[in-house]
Amino acid sequence: MIKFFLMVNKQGQTRLSKYYEHVDINKRTILETEVIKSCLSRSSEQCSFVEYKDFKLIYRQYAALFIVVGVNDTENEMAIYEFIHNFVEVLDEYFSRVTFWLILYCERGKNTSWG
């Protein structure tokens, strides 16, 4: 089961977060900081699956954007890895005129015009 979904830039700033279980806002900040740190510190030669506390992190990097999904121990890592890629392909197809820079530097809470 997916616990959370994060889109993060290389500077470690969260651009999108979605939690599928209740997590207190203070704990979210700590969790995101630790998760981002553990994923961004890994080299490109290392595996994209990370054991973290009581769940697994699966991440993919697209240019300067990281997509991180936290799942429970019973989830299939390869299925989530492909899910991330499919998510990016859908975004690319649906928002054909949106560049990755818009997602990367878009500020939270702003009403952004994509067209």
C-alpha atoms as a PDB file:
ATOM      1  CA  MET A   1       0.000   0.000   0.000  1.00  0.00           C
ATOM      2  CA  ILE A   2       1.241   3.481  -0.866  1.00  0.00           C
ATOM      3  CA  LYS A   3       1.784   5.636   2.216  1.00  0.00           C
ATOM      4  CA  PHE A   4       2.943   8.846   0.535  1.00  0.00           C
ATOM      5  CA  PHE A   5       4.014  10.384  -2.774  1.00  0.00           C
ATOM      6  CA  LEU A   6       6.597  13.183  -3.038  1.00  0.00           C
ATOM      7  CA  MET A   7       8.002  15.282  -5.871  1.00  0.00           C
ATOM      8  CA  VAL A   8      11.238  16.972  -4.820  1.00  0.00           C
ATOM      9  CA  ASN A   9      13.839  19.099  -6.596  1.00  0.00           C
ATOM     10  CA  LYS A  10      17.613  18.625  -6.277  1.00  0.00           C
ATOM     11  CA  GLN A  11      17.769  21.385  -3.669  1.00  0.00           C
ATOM     12  CA  GLY A  12      15.605  19.217  -1.414  1.00  0.00           C
ATOM     13  CA  GLN A  13      12.473  21.362  -1.699  1.00  0.00           C
ATOM     14  CA  THR A  14       9.197  19.463  -1.761  1.00  0.00           C
ATOM     15  CA  ARG A  15       7.138  20.477  -4.792  1.00  0.00           C
ATOM     16  CA  LEU A  16       4.240  18.077  -4.289  1.00  0.00           C
ATOM     17  CA  SER A  17       3.270  15.833  -1.400  1.00  0.00           C
ATOM     18  CA  LYS A  18       0.321  13.515  -0.997  1.00  0.00           C
ATOM     19  CA  TYR A  19      -0.210  11.354   2.073  1.00  0.00           C
ATOM     20  CA  TYR A  20      -2.571   8.383   2.079  1.00  0.00           C
ATOM     21  CA  GLU A  21      -2.446   7.955   5.857  1.00  0.00           C
ATOM     22  CA  HIS A  22      -2.827  10.652   8.472  1.00  0.00           C
ATOM     23  CA  VAL A  23       0.541  12.091   9.476  1.00  0.00           C
ATOM     24  CA  ASP A  24       0.792  15.103  11.775  1.00  0.00           C
ATOM     25  CA  ILE A  25       2.135  18.202   9.996  1.00  0.00           C
ATOM     26  CA  ASN A  26       5.209  18.404  12.268  1.00  0.00           C
ATOM     27  CA  LYS A  27       6.005  14.742  11.632  1.00  0.00           C
ATOM     28  CA  ARG A  28       5.533  15.285   7.877  1.00  0.00           C
ATOM     29  CA  THR A  29       8.250  17.917   7.868  1.00  0.00           C
ATOM     30  CA  ILE A  30      10.667  15.650   9.698  1.00  0.00           C
ATOM     31  CA  LEU A  31       9.731  12.648   7.541  1.00  0.00           C
ATOM     32  CA  GLU A  32      10.161  14.594   4.286  1.00  0.00           C
ATOM     33  CA  THR A  33      13.518  15.976   5.406  1.00  0.00           C
ATOM     34  CA  GLU A  34      14.866  12.524   6.283  1.00  0.00           C
ATOM     35  CA  VAL A  35      13.413  10.838   3.183  1.00  0.00           C
ATOM     36  CA  ILE A  36      14.742  13.518   0.842  1.00  0.00           C
ATOM     37  CA  LYS A  37      18.159  13.402   2.489  1.00  0.00           C
ATOM     38  CA  SER A  38      18.379   9.623   2.160  1.00  0.00           C
ATOM     39  CA  CYS A  39      17.353   9.624  -1.532  1.00  0.00           C
ATOM     40  CA  LEU A  40      19.352  12.640  -2.713  1.00  0.00           C
ATOM     41  CA  SER A  41      22.542  11.434  -1.034  1.00  0.00           C
ATOM     42  CA  ARG A  42      22.592   8.225  -3.091  1.00  0.00           C
ATOM     43  CA  SER A  43      24.613   7.937  -6.289  1.00  0.00           C
ATOM     44  CA  SER A  44      23.079   7.091  -9.655  1.00  0.00           C
ATOM     45  CA  GLU A  45      24.756   3.657  -9.531  1.00  0.00           C
ATOM     46  CA  GLN A  46      22.893   2.681  -6.364  1.00  0.00           C
ATOM     47  CA  CYS A  47      19.536   0.909  -6.294  1.00  0.00           C
ATOM     48  CA  SER A  48      16.396   3.072  -6.291  1.00  0.00           C
ATOM     49  CA  PHE A  49      14.843   1.058  -3.451  1.00  0.00           C
ATOM     50  CA  VAL A  50      15.667   2.096   0.107  1.00  0.00           C
ATOM     51  CA  GLU A  51      14.634   0.490   3.398  1.00  0.00           C
ATOM     52  CA  TYR A  52      13.540   3.276   5.733  1.00  0.00           C
ATOM     53  CA  LYS A  53      12.102   2.717   9.218  1.00  0.00           C
ATOM     54  CA  ASP A  54       8.993   0.539   8.844  1.00  0.00           C
ATOM     55  CA  PHE A  55       8.516   1.054   5.099  1.00  0.00           C
ATOM     56  CA  LYS A  56      10.335   1.161   1.751  1.00  0.00           C
ATOM     57  CA  LEU A  57      11.183   4.150  -0.416  1.00  0.00           C
ATOM     58  CA  ILE A  58      11.103   3.800  -4.183  1.00  0.00           C
ATOM     59  CA  TYR A  59      12.370   6.770  -6.159  1.00  0.00           C
ATOM     60  CA  ARG A  60      13.240   7.857  -9.685  1.00  0.00           C
ATOM     61  CA  GLN A  61      15.110  10.892 -10.894  1.00  0.00           C
ATOM     62  CA  TYR A  62      14.014  12.888 -13.933  1.00  0.00           C
ATOM     63  CA  ALA A  63      16.610  15.616 -14.615  1.00  0.00           C
ATOM     64  CA  ALA A  64      16.571  17.698 -11.396  1.00  0.00           C
ATOM     65  CA  LEU A  65      13.272  16.281 -10.147  1.00  0.00           C
ATOM     66  CA  PHE A  66      12.973  13.281  -7.818  1.00  0.00           C
ATOM     67  CA  ILE A  67       9.759  11.353  -7.357  1.00  0.00           C
ATOM     68  CA  VAL A  68       9.667   9.360  -4.124  1.00  0.00           C
ATOM     69  CA  VAL A  69       6.962   6.893  -3.100  1.00  0.00           C
ATOM     70  CA  GLY A  70       6.799   5.413   0.391  1.00  0.00           C
ATOM     71  CA  VAL A  71       5.169   1.975   0.593  1.00  0.00           C
ATOM     72  CA  ASN A  72       4.686  -0.783   3.162  1.00  0.00           C
ATOM     73  CA  ASP A  73       6.946  -3.839   3.246  1.00  0.00           C
ATOM     74  CA  THR A  74       4.635  -6.078   1.222  1.00  0.00           C
ATOM     75  CA  GLU A  75       4.428  -3.829  -1.866  1.00  0.00           C
ATOM     76  CA  ASN A  76       6.138  -4.838  -5.118  1.00  0.00           C
ATOM     77  CA  GLU A  77       9.038  -2.436  -5.695  1.00  0.00           C
ATOM     78  CA  MET A  78       9.177  -2.911  -9.469  1.00  0.00           C
ATOM     79  CA  ALA A  79       5.453  -2.218  -9.815  1.00  0.00           C
ATOM     80  CA  ILE A  80       5.852   1.093  -7.949  1.00  0.00           C
ATOM     81  CA  TYR A  81       8.978   1.915  -9.973  1.00  0.00           C
ATOM     82  CA  GLU A  82       6.933   1.488 -13.175  1.00  0.00           C
ATOM     83  CA  PHE A  83       4.016   3.402 -11.633  1.00  0.00           C
ATOM     84  CA  ILE A  84       6.320   6.402 -11.159  1.00  0.00           C
ATOM     85  CA  HIS A  85       7.388   6.246 -14.802  1.00  0.00           C
ATOM     86  CA  ASN A  86       3.775   5.959 -15.982  1.00  0.00           C
ATOM     87  CA  PHE A  87       2.843   8.948 -13.815  1.00  0.00           C
ATOM     88  CA  VAL A  88       5.552  11.049 -15.472  1.00  0.00           C
ATOM     89  CA  GLU A  89       4.473   9.911 -18.945  1.00  0.00           C
ATOM     90  CA  VAL A  90       0.860  10.888 -18.211  1.00  0.00           C
ATOM     91  CA  LEU A  91       1.958  14.316 -16.985  1.00  0.00           C
ATOM     92  CA  ASP A  92       4.057  14.768 -20.106  1.00  0.00           C
ATOM     93  CA  GLU A  93       1.183  13.744 -22.387  1.00  0.00           C
ATOM     94  CA  TYR A  94      -1.543  15.691 -20.604  1.00  0.00           C
ATOM     95  CA  PHE A  95       0.474  18.861 -20.036  1.00  0.00           C
ATOM     96  CA  SER A  96       2.397  18.834 -23.291  1.00  0.00           C
ATOM     97  CA  ARG A  97       3.360  22.497 -22.988  1.00  0.00           C
ATOM     98  CA  VAL A  98       4.517  22.254 -19.393  1.00  0.00           C
ATOM     99  CA  THR A  99       8.234  21.985 -18.932  1.00  0.00           C
ATOM    100  CA  PHE A 100       9.859  20.314 -16.002  1.00  0.00           C
ATOM    101  CA  TRP A 101      11.085  23.778 -14.922  1.00  0.00           C
ATOM    102  CA  LEU A 102       7.514  24.907 -14.261  1.00  0.00           C
ATOM    103  CA  ILE A 103       6.964  21.972 -11.919  1.00  0.00           C
ATOM    104  CA  LEU A 104      10.375  22.394 -10.358  1.00  0.00           C
ATOM    105  CA  TYR A 105      10.108  26.084  -9.519  1.00  0.00           C
ATOM    106  CA  CYS A 106       6.344  26.523  -9.124  1.00  0.00           C
ATOM    107  CA  GLU A 107       5.584  27.786  -5.625  1.00  0.00           C
ATOM    108  CA  ARG A 108       3.002  26.015  -3.509  1.00  0.00           C
ATOM    109  CA  GLY A 109      -0.335  27.733  -3.246  1.00  0.00           C
ATOM    110  CA  LYS A 110       0.089  29.857  -6.330  1.00  0.00           C
ATOM    111  CA  ASN A 111      -2.494  29.664  -9.065  1.00  0.00           C
ATOM    112  CA  THR A 112      -0.267  28.874 -12.024  1.00  0.00           C
ATOM    113  CA  SER A 113      -1.475  29.192 -15.585  1.00  0.00           C
ATOM    114  CA  TRP A 114      -0.127  26.258 -17.604  1.00  0.00           C
ATOM    115  CA  GLY A 115      -1.029  27.688 -20.979  1.00  0.00           C
END
